[in-house]
Amino acid sequence: MTGRAMSRLPWAVLRGLVGLIYVFMLGPIIITATVSFNAANQSRFPPVGLSLHWWAEALSPRWLQPLGFSVKLALLAAIITTLLGLPLAFGLTRYRFPGREVLIALSLGPLALPALVTGIGLLQLFQISGFGFLLGFPALLIAHVIICLPFCVRTVAIGLQAMPAKVEQAAASLGARPRTVFLEVTLPLIKSGLFAGASFAFIQSFTDYSISLFLSRAGMQPISVTILSFLDYGFAPTLAAVAVISMVAPLVLIFLVQHFFRIGDFVYGAGGGA
């Protein structure tokens, strides 16, 4: 083997590993999408014939209602989480006060606890405290805000820490009031982190099933719980079509946020979203 071939060998191995990673990540998605066009009443791959029958079922009210429920729940959870996470991250990042460490632990605690434990704990809390009547959308919204808050707090805190040093002091020294400094200097500089946190919160809420399984009720079930319940009857091609449709909402959100706010630059550094 020549020296030139030896120098290319590491890059060839790296490309092969990257290719295997892509196959591992995208393979199940491609197989699921292919199964959804199966003409047979079974989840076969390769598909037996081609049919849009299962897509017609996936777009029926039976599935669109929980899908719309999940989108509404995730949007509200993301908005409330952002409104709560912004001042919380600002206070934890910029100030030192008694109980700060406790507040950090409470705001980031849901990341350390398994979602299953959190779901059971919240269910017991609602029942014991006499607020069991909130089960359904109100309880789900409260729970999703709790589990999504750490994502917003962390991303906003990272954005604040990455701001140019003393840029706020420079604006204040030129006569800008604190409110003006925040709205016209701080907020534009951390908007990528803010929208990244909101996007992560939406995706976390939209894809959650461990907590939603305990706090939902009939007529108020997210799409994840509806899919899990349908699995009792087996994996029909309908589920493949529903799964593909369920992937569209987070992907569209990420595309739009990346297009307008370039969260890729926040995640990967300047130029990462190019």
C-alpha atoms as a PDB file:
ATOM      1  CA  MET A   1       0.000   0.000   0.000  1.00  0.00           C
ATOM      2  CA  THR A   2       1.459   3.359  -1.053  1.00  0.00           C
ATOM      3  CA  GLY A   3       1.970   6.290   1.285  1.00  0.00           C
ATOM      4  CA  ARG A   4      -0.793   8.242  -0.453  1.00  0.00           C
ATOM      5  CA  ALA A   5      -3.246   5.398   0.087  1.00  0.00           C
ATOM      6  CA  MET A   6      -2.188   5.153   3.725  1.00  0.00           C
ATOM      7  CA  SER A   7      -2.873   8.861   4.226  1.00  0.00           C
ATOM      8  CA  ARG A   8      -6.362   8.463   2.777  1.00  0.00           C
ATOM      9  CA  LEU A   9      -7.217   5.410   4.882  1.00  0.00           C
ATOM     10  CA  PRO A  10      -8.243   7.350   8.075  1.00  0.00           C
ATOM     11  CA  TRP A  11     -10.580   9.577   6.049  1.00  0.00           C
ATOM     12  CA  ALA A  12     -12.108   6.558   4.321  1.00  0.00           C
ATOM     13  CA  VAL A  13     -12.711   4.907   7.692  1.00  0.00           C
ATOM     14  CA  LEU A  14     -14.222   8.137   9.045  1.00  0.00           C
ATOM     15  CA  ARG A  15     -16.549   8.456   6.043  1.00  0.00           C
ATOM     16  CA  GLY A  16     -17.590   4.841   6.484  1.00  0.00           C
ATOM     17  CA  LEU A  17     -18.390   5.401  10.166  1.00  0.00           C
ATOM     18  CA  VAL A  18     -20.362   8.561   9.388  1.00  0.00           C
ATOM     19  CA  GLY A  19     -22.272   6.641   6.721  1.00  0.00           C
ATOM     20  CA  LEU A  20     -23.122   3.886   9.206  1.00  0.00           C
ATOM     21  CA  ILE A  21     -24.325   6.490  11.711  1.00  0.00           C
ATOM     22  CA  TYR A  22     -26.621   8.023   9.077  1.00  0.00           C
ATOM     23  CA  VAL A  23     -27.946   4.572   8.178  1.00  0.00           C
ATOM     24  CA  PHE A  24     -28.574   3.846  11.861  1.00  0.00           C
ATOM     25  CA  MET A  25     -30.395   7.173  12.324  1.00  0.00           C
ATOM     26  CA  LEU A  26     -32.345   7.407   9.072  1.00  0.00           C
ATOM     27  CA  GLY A  27     -32.902   3.703   8.378  1.00  0.00           C
ATOM     28  CA  PRO A  28     -35.865   3.264  10.787  1.00  0.00           C
ATOM     29  CA  ILE A  29     -37.476   6.468   9.479  1.00  0.00           C
ATOM     30  CA  ILE A  30     -37.166   5.372   5.862  1.00  0.00           C
ATOM     31  CA  ILE A  31     -38.504   1.892   6.658  1.00  0.00           C
ATOM     32  CA  THR A  32     -41.450   3.344   8.594  1.00  0.00           C
ATOM     33  CA  ALA A  33     -42.302   5.742   5.770  1.00  0.00           C
ATOM     34  CA  THR A  34     -42.121   2.901   3.250  1.00  0.00           C
ATOM     35  CA  VAL A  35     -44.376   0.638   5.332  1.00  0.00           C
ATOM     36  CA  SER A  36     -47.032   3.373   5.419  1.00  0.00           C
ATOM     37  CA  PHE A  37     -47.589   2.860   1.664  1.00  0.00           C
ATOM     38  CA  ASN A  38     -48.156  -0.879   2.076  1.00  0.00           C
ATOM     39  CA  ALA A  39     -51.174  -2.263   0.238  1.00  0.00           C
ATOM     40  CA  ALA A  40     -51.435  -5.229   2.603  1.00  0.00           C
ATOM     41  CA  ASN A  41     -53.113  -5.066   6.010  1.00  0.00           C
ATOM     42  CA  GLN A  42     -49.777  -5.853   7.608  1.00  0.00           C
ATOM     43  CA  SER A  43     -46.579  -3.972   8.329  1.00  0.00           C
ATOM     44  CA  ARG A  44     -44.396  -5.594   5.709  1.00  0.00           C
ATOM     45  CA  PHE A  45     -41.066  -4.417   4.398  1.00  0.00           C
ATOM     46  CA  PRO A  46     -40.525  -4.281   1.507  1.00  0.00           C
ATOM     47  CA  PRO A  47     -44.161  -3.253   1.012  1.00  0.00           C
ATOM     48  CA  VAL A  48     -46.629  -5.483  -0.801  1.00  0.00           C
ATOM     49  CA  GLY A  49     -47.932  -3.144  -3.482  1.00  0.00           C
ATOM     50  CA  LEU A  50     -48.540   0.575  -3.040  1.00  0.00           C
ATOM     51  CA  SER A  51     -51.588   2.222  -1.469  1.00  0.00           C
ATOM     52  CA  LEU A  52     -52.617   5.526   0.144  1.00  0.00           C
ATOM     53  CA  HIS A  53     -55.329   3.829   2.199  1.00  0.00           C
ATOM     54  CA  TRP A  54     -53.382   4.068   5.444  1.00  0.00           C
ATOM     55  CA  TRP A  55     -52.622   7.734   4.869  1.00  0.00           C
ATOM     56  CA  ALA A  56     -56.327   8.406   4.443  1.00  0.00           C
ATOM     57  CA  GLU A  57     -56.931   6.751   7.819  1.00  0.00           C
ATOM     58  CA  ALA A  58     -54.057   8.672   9.407  1.00  0.00           C
ATOM     59  CA  LEU A  59     -55.651  11.944   8.249  1.00  0.00           C
ATOM     60  CA  SER A  60     -59.044  11.049   9.743  1.00  0.00           C
ATOM     61  CA  PRO A  61     -60.405  12.867  12.838  1.00  0.00           C
ATOM     62  CA  ARG A  62     -59.459   9.855  14.958  1.00  0.00           C
ATOM     63  CA  TRP A  63     -55.795  10.812  14.560  1.00  0.00           C
ATOM     64  CA  LEU A  64     -55.972  14.501  13.679  1.00  0.00           C
ATOM     65  CA  GLN A  65     -57.726  15.337  16.969  1.00  0.00           C
ATOM     66  CA  PRO A  66     -54.917  14.044  19.235  1.00  0.00           C
ATOM     67  CA  LEU A  67     -52.344  15.482  16.822  1.00  0.00           C
ATOM     68  CA  GLY A  68     -53.931  18.930  17.088  1.00  0.00           C
ATOM     69  CA  PHE A  69     -54.168  18.461  20.851  1.00  0.00           C
ATOM     70  CA  SER A  70     -50.426  17.732  20.997  1.00  0.00           C
ATOM     71  CA  VAL A  71     -49.542  20.750  18.857  1.00  0.00           C
ATOM     72  CA  LYS A  72     -51.664  23.081  21.005  1.00  0.00           C
ATOM     73  CA  LEU A  73     -50.243  21.629  24.216  1.00  0.00           C
ATOM     74  CA  ALA A  74     -46.657  21.878  22.981  1.00  0.00           C
ATOM     75  CA  LEU A  75     -47.105  25.456  21.746  1.00  0.00           C
ATOM     76  CA  LEU A  76     -48.589  26.646  25.031  1.00  0.00           C
ATOM     77  CA  ALA A  77     -45.944  24.772  27.026  1.00  0.00           C
ATOM     78  CA  ALA A  78     -43.173  26.342  24.924  1.00  0.00           C
ATOM     79  CA  ILE A  79     -44.613  29.859  25.290  1.00  0.00           C
ATOM     80  CA  ILE A  80     -45.147  29.608  29.057  1.00  0.00           C
ATOM     81  CA  THR A  81     -41.764  27.959  29.531  1.00  0.00           C
ATOM     82  CA  THR A  82     -40.063  30.781  27.625  1.00  0.00           C
ATOM     83  CA  LEU A  83     -41.868  33.458  29.620  1.00  0.00           C
ATOM     84  CA  LEU A  84     -40.824  31.789  32.875  1.00  0.00           C
ATOM     85  CA  GLY A  85     -37.362  30.683  31.788  1.00  0.00           C
ATOM     86  CA  LEU A  86     -36.153  34.075  30.550  1.00  0.00           C
ATOM     87  CA  PRO A  87     -36.390  35.984  33.882  1.00  0.00           C
ATOM     88  CA  LEU A  88     -35.305  32.879  35.812  1.00  0.00           C
ATOM     89  CA  ALA A  89     -32.179  32.421  33.692  1.00  0.00           C
ATOM     90  CA  PHE A  90     -31.461  36.153  33.860  1.00  0.00           C
ATOM     91  CA  GLY A  91     -31.688  36.176  37.656  1.00  0.00           C
ATOM     92  CA  LEU A  92     -29.617  33.010  38.128  1.00  0.00           C
ATOM     93  CA  THR A  93     -26.931  34.193  35.704  1.00  0.00           C
ATOM     94  CA  ARG A  94     -26.567  37.825  36.736  1.00  0.00           C
ATOM     95  CA  TYR A  95     -27.210  37.826  40.472  1.00  0.00           C
ATOM     96  CA  ARG A  96     -25.981  36.069  43.616  1.00  0.00           C
ATOM     97  CA  PHE A  97     -28.557  35.734  46.393  1.00  0.00           C
ATOM     98  CA  PRO A  98     -29.441  33.357  49.266  1.00  0.00           C
ATOM     99  CA  GLY A  99     -31.138  30.213  47.993  1.00  0.00           C
ATOM    100  CA  ARG A 100     -29.729  30.571  44.485  1.00  0.00           C
ATOM    101  CA  GLU A 101     -28.280  27.048  44.464  1.00  0.00           C
ATOM    102  CA  VAL A 102     -31.595  25.615  45.640  1.00  0.00           C
ATOM    103  CA  LEU A 103     -33.420  27.467  42.870  1.00  0.00           C
ATOM    104  CA  ILE A 104     -30.949  26.136  40.297  1.00  0.00           C
ATOM    105  CA  ALA A 105     -31.496  22.592  41.551  1.00  0.00           C
ATOM    106  CA  LEU A 106     -35.282  22.990  41.414  1.00  0.00           C
ATOM    107  CA  SER A 107     -35.292  24.503  37.919  1.00  0.00           C
ATOM    108  CA  LEU A 108     -32.948  21.856  36.491  1.00  0.00           C
ATOM    109  CA  GLY A 109     -34.179  18.938  38.613  1.00  0.00           C
ATOM    110  CA  PRO A 110     -36.563  17.478  35.988  1.00  0.00           C
ATOM    111  CA  LEU A 111     -33.532  16.678  33.825  1.00  0.00           C
ATOM    112  CA  ALA A 112     -32.103  14.434  36.544  1.00  0.00           C
ATOM    113  CA  LEU A 113     -35.311  12.556  37.333  1.00  0.00           C
ATOM    114  CA  PRO A 114     -36.681   9.828  35.048  1.00  0.00           C
ATOM    115  CA  ALA A 115     -39.833  11.038  33.302  1.00  0.00           C
ATOM    116  CA  LEU A 116     -41.704   7.998  34.612  1.00  0.00           C
ATOM    117  CA  VAL A 117     -40.956   8.979  38.219  1.00  0.00           C
ATOM    118  CA  THR A 118     -41.998  12.556  37.526  1.00  0.00           C
ATOM    119  CA  GLY A 119     -45.279  11.398  35.970  1.00  0.00           C
ATOM    120  CA  ILE A 120     -46.181   9.137  38.895  1.00  0.00           C
ATOM    121  CA  GLY A 121     -45.211  11.838  41.395  1.00  0.00           C
ATOM    122  CA  LEU A 122     -47.327  14.489  39.700  1.00  0.00           C
ATOM    123  CA  LEU A 123     -50.302  12.126  39.456  1.00  0.00           C
ATOM    124  CA  GLN A 124     -50.105  11.407  43.189  1.00  0.00           C
ATOM    125  CA  LEU A 125     -49.691  15.119  43.936  1.00  0.00           C
ATOM    126  CA  PHE A 126     -52.826  16.047  41.999  1.00  0.00           C
ATOM    127  CA  GLN A 127     -54.840  13.259  43.632  1.00  0.00           C
ATOM    128  CA  ILE A 128     -53.660  13.834  47.219  1.00  0.00           C
ATOM    129  CA  SER A 129     -54.004  17.627  47.029  1.00  0.00           C
ATOM    130  CA  GLY A 130     -57.583  17.361  45.764  1.00  0.00           C
ATOM    131  CA  PHE A 131     -56.805  18.714  42.316  1.00  0.00           C
ATOM    132  CA  GLY A 132     -57.554  15.485  40.505  1.00  0.00           C
ATOM    133  CA  PHE A 133     -60.205  17.348  38.504  1.00  0.00           C
ATOM    134  CA  LEU A 134     -57.328  19.041  36.641  1.00  0.00           C
ATOM    135  CA  LEU A 135     -56.323  15.770  34.987  1.00  0.00           C
ATOM    136  CA  GLY A 136     -56.410  16.271  31.256  1.00  0.00           C
ATOM    137  CA  PHE A 137     -55.234  19.412  29.526  1.00  0.00           C
ATOM    138  CA  PRO A 138     -54.583  21.567  32.655  1.00  0.00           C
ATOM    139  CA  ALA A 139     -52.508  18.893  34.402  1.00  0.00           C
ATOM    140  CA  LEU A 140     -50.650  18.072  31.183  1.00  0.00           C
ATOM    141  CA  LEU A 141     -49.814  21.741  30.623  1.00  0.00           C
ATOM    142  CA  ILE A 142     -48.478  22.143  34.166  1.00  0.00           C
ATOM    143  CA  ALA A 143     -46.425  18.963  33.891  1.00  0.00           C
ATOM    144  CA  HIS A 144     -45.010  19.841  30.472  1.00  0.00           C
ATOM    145  CA  VAL A 145     -43.987  23.299  31.642  1.00  0.00           C
ATOM    146  CA  ILE A 146     -42.123  21.661  34.530  1.00  0.00           C
ATOM    147  CA  ILE A 147     -40.214  19.209  32.336  1.00  0.00           C
ATOM    148  CA  CYS A 148     -39.527  21.783  29.595  1.00  0.00           C
ATOM    149  CA  LEU A 149     -38.328  24.597  31.862  1.00  0.00           C
ATOM    150  CA  PRO A 150     -34.722  23.280  32.203  1.00  0.00           C
ATOM    151  CA  PHE A 151     -34.203  23.438  28.427  1.00  0.00           C
ATOM    152  CA  CYS A 152     -35.178  27.095  28.248  1.00  0.00           C
ATOM    153  CA  VAL A 153     -33.248  28.087  31.381  1.00  0.00           C
ATOM    154  CA  ARG A 154     -30.062  26.406  30.157  1.00  0.00           C
ATOM    155  CA  THR A 155     -30.142  27.810  26.615  1.00  0.00           C
ATOM    156  CA  VAL A 156     -30.960  31.351  27.754  1.00  0.00           C
ATOM    157  CA  ALA A 157     -28.241  31.167  30.429  1.00  0.00           C
ATOM    158  CA  ILE A 158     -25.725  30.057  27.803  1.00  0.00           C
ATOM    159  CA  GLY A 159     -26.782  32.958  25.584  1.00  0.00           C
ATOM    160  CA  LEU A 160     -26.329  35.434  28.434  1.00  0.00           C
ATOM    161  CA  GLN A 161     -22.900  34.051  29.306  1.00  0.00           C
ATOM    162  CA  ALA A 162     -21.811  34.250  25.657  1.00  0.00           C
ATOM    163  CA  MET A 163     -22.693  37.944  25.320  1.00  0.00           C
ATOM    164  CA  PRO A 164     -19.824  40.365  24.628  1.00  0.00           C
ATOM    165  CA  ALA A 165     -18.350  41.614  27.882  1.00  0.00           C
ATOM    166  CA  LYS A 166     -19.672  44.919  29.225  1.00  0.00           C
ATOM    167  CA  VAL A 167     -21.863  45.603  26.187  1.00  0.00           C
ATOM    168  CA  GLU A 168     -24.782  46.351  28.498  1.00  0.00           C
ATOM    169  CA  GLN A 169     -22.658  48.667  30.605  1.00  0.00           C
ATOM    170  CA  ALA A 170     -21.619  50.521  27.452  1.00  0.00           C
ATOM    171  CA  ALA A 171     -25.252  51.053  26.489  1.00  0.00           C
ATOM    172  CA  ALA A 172     -26.116  52.212  30.003  1.00  0.00           C
ATOM    173  CA  SER A 173     -23.187  54.637  30.034  1.00  0.00           C
ATOM    174  CA  LEU A 174     -24.598  56.263  26.904  1.00  0.00           C
ATOM    175  CA  GLY A 175     -27.822  57.043  28.746  1.00  0.00           C
ATOM    176  CA  ALA A 176     -29.999  54.049  27.947  1.00  0.00           C
ATOM    177  CA  ARG A 177     -32.416  53.047  30.679  1.00  0.00           C
ATOM    178  CA  PRO A 178     -32.392  49.464  32.031  1.00  0.00           C
ATOM    179  CA  ARG A 179     -35.587  48.640  30.148  1.00  0.00           C
ATOM    180  CA  THR A 180     -34.114  49.997  26.899  1.00  0.00           C
ATOM    181  CA  VAL A 181     -30.854  48.118  27.464  1.00  0.00           C
ATOM    182  CA  PHE A 182     -32.744  44.865  27.936  1.00  0.00           C
ATOM    183  CA  LEU A 183     -35.096  45.292  24.957  1.00  0.00           C
ATOM    184  CA  GLU A 184     -32.631  46.742  22.450  1.00  0.00           C
ATOM    185  CA  VAL A 185     -29.295  45.234  23.510  1.00  0.00           C
ATOM    186  CA  THR A 186     -29.680  42.119  25.644  1.00  0.00           C
ATOM    187  CA  LEU A 187     -32.739  40.553  24.023  1.00  0.00           C
ATOM    188  CA  PRO A 188     -31.461  40.767  20.407  1.00  0.00           C
ATOM    189  CA  LEU A 189     -28.143  39.217  21.459  1.00  0.00           C
ATOM    190  CA  ILE A 190     -29.738  36.235  23.203  1.00  0.00           C
ATOM    191  CA  LYS A 191     -32.633  35.667  20.770  1.00  0.00           C
ATOM    192  CA  SER A 192     -30.970  32.576  19.276  1.00  0.00           C
ATOM    193  CA  GLY A 193     -30.720  30.950  22.704  1.00  0.00           C
ATOM    194  CA  LEU A 194     -34.261  32.046  23.537  1.00  0.00           C
ATOM    195  CA  PHE A 195     -35.772  30.491  20.419  1.00  0.00           C
ATOM    196  CA  ALA A 196     -33.547  27.426  20.745  1.00  0.00           C
ATOM    197  CA  GLY A 197     -34.951  26.884  24.240  1.00  0.00           C
ATOM    198  CA  ALA A 198     -38.507  27.375  22.983  1.00  0.00           C
ATOM    199  CA  SER A 199     -37.884  24.881  20.167  1.00  0.00           C
ATOM    200  CA  PHE A 200     -36.433  22.287  22.530  1.00  0.00           C
ATOM    201  CA  ALA A 201     -39.386  22.822  24.873  1.00  0.00           C
ATOM    202  CA  PHE A 202     -41.868  22.297  22.017  1.00  0.00           C
ATOM    203  CA  ILE A 203     -40.168  19.092  20.893  1.00  0.00           C
ATOM    204  CA  GLN A 204     -39.893  17.759  24.454  1.00  0.00           C
ATOM    205  CA  SER A 205     -43.584  18.418  25.069  1.00  0.00           C
ATOM    206  CA  PHE A 206     -44.711  17.093  21.682  1.00  0.00           C
ATOM    207  CA  THR A 207     -42.792  13.825  21.982  1.00  0.00           C
ATOM    208  CA  ASP A 208     -43.398  13.117  25.674  1.00  0.00           C
ATOM    209  CA  TYR A 209     -45.425  10.064  26.578  1.00  0.00           C
ATOM    210  CA  SER A 210     -44.157   8.965  30.020  1.00  0.00           C
ATOM    211  CA  ILE A 211     -45.783  11.861  31.855  1.00  0.00           C
ATOM    212  CA  SER A 212     -48.714  12.270  29.469  1.00  0.00           C
ATOM    213  CA  LEU A 213     -49.630   8.618  29.993  1.00  0.00           C
ATOM    214  CA  PHE A 214     -50.460   9.293  33.667  1.00  0.00           C
ATOM    215  CA  LEU A 215     -52.056  12.736  33.408  1.00  0.00           C
ATOM    216  CA  SER A 216     -54.217  12.446  30.273  1.00  0.00           C
ATOM    217  CA  ARG A 217     -57.817  11.283  30.135  1.00  0.00           C
ATOM    218  CA  ALA A 218     -60.292  10.233  27.489  1.00  0.00           C
ATOM    219  CA  GLY A 219     -60.734  12.938  24.880  1.00  0.00           C
ATOM    220  CA  MET A 220     -57.605  14.765  26.083  1.00  0.00           C
ATOM    221  CA  GLN A 221     -54.773  12.535  24.949  1.00  0.00           C
ATOM    222  CA  PRO A 222     -51.654  13.633  23.064  1.00  0.00           C
ATOM    223  CA  ILE A 223     -50.736  11.814  19.890  1.00  0.00           C
ATOM    224  CA  SER A 224     -47.944   9.914  21.686  1.00  0.00           C
ATOM    225  CA  VAL A 225     -50.408   8.348  24.135  1.00  0.00           C
ATOM    226  CA  THR A 226     -52.878   7.595  21.338  1.00  0.00           C
ATOM    227  CA  ILE A 227     -50.159   5.775  19.391  1.00  0.00           C
ATOM    228  CA  LEU A 228     -49.130   3.833  22.491  1.00  0.00           C
ATOM    229  CA  SER A 229     -52.729   2.783  23.117  1.00  0.00           C
ATOM    230  CA  PHE A 230     -53.174   1.696  19.498  1.00  0.00           C
ATOM    231  CA  LEU A 231     -50.094  -0.538  19.768  1.00  0.00           C
ATOM    232  CA  ASP A 232     -52.189  -2.941  21.890  1.00  0.00           C
ATOM    233  CA  TYR A 233     -53.763  -4.038  18.615  1.00  0.00           C
ATOM    234  CA  GLY A 234     -50.427  -4.499  16.838  1.00  0.00           C
ATOM    235  CA  PHE A 235     -48.338  -2.312  14.560  1.00  0.00           C
ATOM    236  CA  ALA A 236     -50.649  -1.624  11.628  1.00  0.00           C
ATOM    237  CA  PRO A 237     -49.519   0.405   8.586  1.00  0.00           C
ATOM    238  CA  THR A 238     -51.768   3.189   9.876  1.00  0.00           C
ATOM    239  CA  LEU A 239     -49.316   3.779  12.706  1.00  0.00           C
ATOM    240  CA  ALA A 240     -46.484   4.117  10.223  1.00  0.00           C
ATOM    241  CA  ALA A 241     -48.352   6.913   8.431  1.00  0.00           C
ATOM    242  CA  VAL A 242     -49.244   8.586  11.749  1.00  0.00           C
ATOM    243  CA  ALA A 243     -45.613   8.358  12.865  1.00  0.00           C
ATOM    244  CA  VAL A 244     -44.437  10.082   9.681  1.00  0.00           C
ATOM    245  CA  ILE A 245     -47.041  12.844  10.097  1.00  0.00           C
ATOM    246  CA  SER A 246     -46.011  13.268  13.754  1.00  0.00           C
ATOM    247  CA  MET A 247     -42.418  13.832  12.676  1.00  0.00           C
ATOM    248  CA  VAL A 248     -43.424  16.652  10.356  1.00  0.00           C
ATOM    249  CA  ALA A 249     -44.485  19.133  13.081  1.00  0.00           C
ATOM    250  CA  PRO A 250     -41.118  19.233  14.944  1.00  0.00           C
ATOM    251  CA  LEU A 251     -39.170  19.236  11.664  1.00  0.00           C
ATOM    252  CA  VAL A 252     -41.179  22.151  10.261  1.00  0.00           C
ATOM    253  CA  LEU A 253     -40.704  24.071  13.521  1.00  0.00           C
ATOM    254  CA  ILE A 254     -36.938  23.497  13.498  1.00  0.00           C
ATOM    255  CA  PHE A 255     -36.717  24.548   9.837  1.00  0.00           C
ATOM    256  CA  LEU A 256     -38.673  27.769  10.417  1.00  0.00           C
ATOM    257  CA  VAL A 257     -36.813  28.739  13.582  1.00  0.00           C
ATOM    258  CA  GLN A 258     -33.462  27.950  11.968  1.00  0.00           C
ATOM    259  CA  HIS A 259     -34.417  29.966   8.868  1.00  0.00           C
ATOM    260  CA  PHE A 260     -35.442  33.094  10.760  1.00  0.00           C
ATOM    261  CA  PHE A 261     -33.317  32.928  13.936  1.00  0.00           C
ATOM    262  CA  ARG A 262     -30.390  30.670  12.960  1.00  0.00           C
ATOM    263  CA  ILE A 263     -30.332  28.563  16.125  1.00  0.00           C
ATOM    264  CA  GLY A 264     -27.644  26.500  14.394  1.00  0.00           C
ATOM    265  CA  ASP A 265     -25.216  29.347  15.108  1.00  0.00           C
ATOM    266  CA  PHE A 266     -26.171  29.114  18.774  1.00  0.00           C
ATOM    267  CA  VAL A 267     -25.785  25.327  18.946  1.00  0.00           C
ATOM    268  CA  TYR A 268     -22.706  24.887  16.771  1.00  0.00           C
ATOM    269  CA  GLY A 269     -21.111  28.311  16.862  1.00  0.00           C
ATOM    270  CA  ALA A 270     -20.978  31.087  14.264  1.00  0.00           C
ATOM    271  CA  GLY A 271     -21.457  29.729  10.779  1.00  0.00           C
ATOM    272  CA  GLY A 272     -22.763  26.404  12.031  1.00  0.00           C
ATOM    273  CA  GLY A 273     -26.193  27.024  10.619  1.00  0.00           C
ATOM    274  CA  ALA A 274     -24.945  27.978   7.179  1.00  0.00           C
END
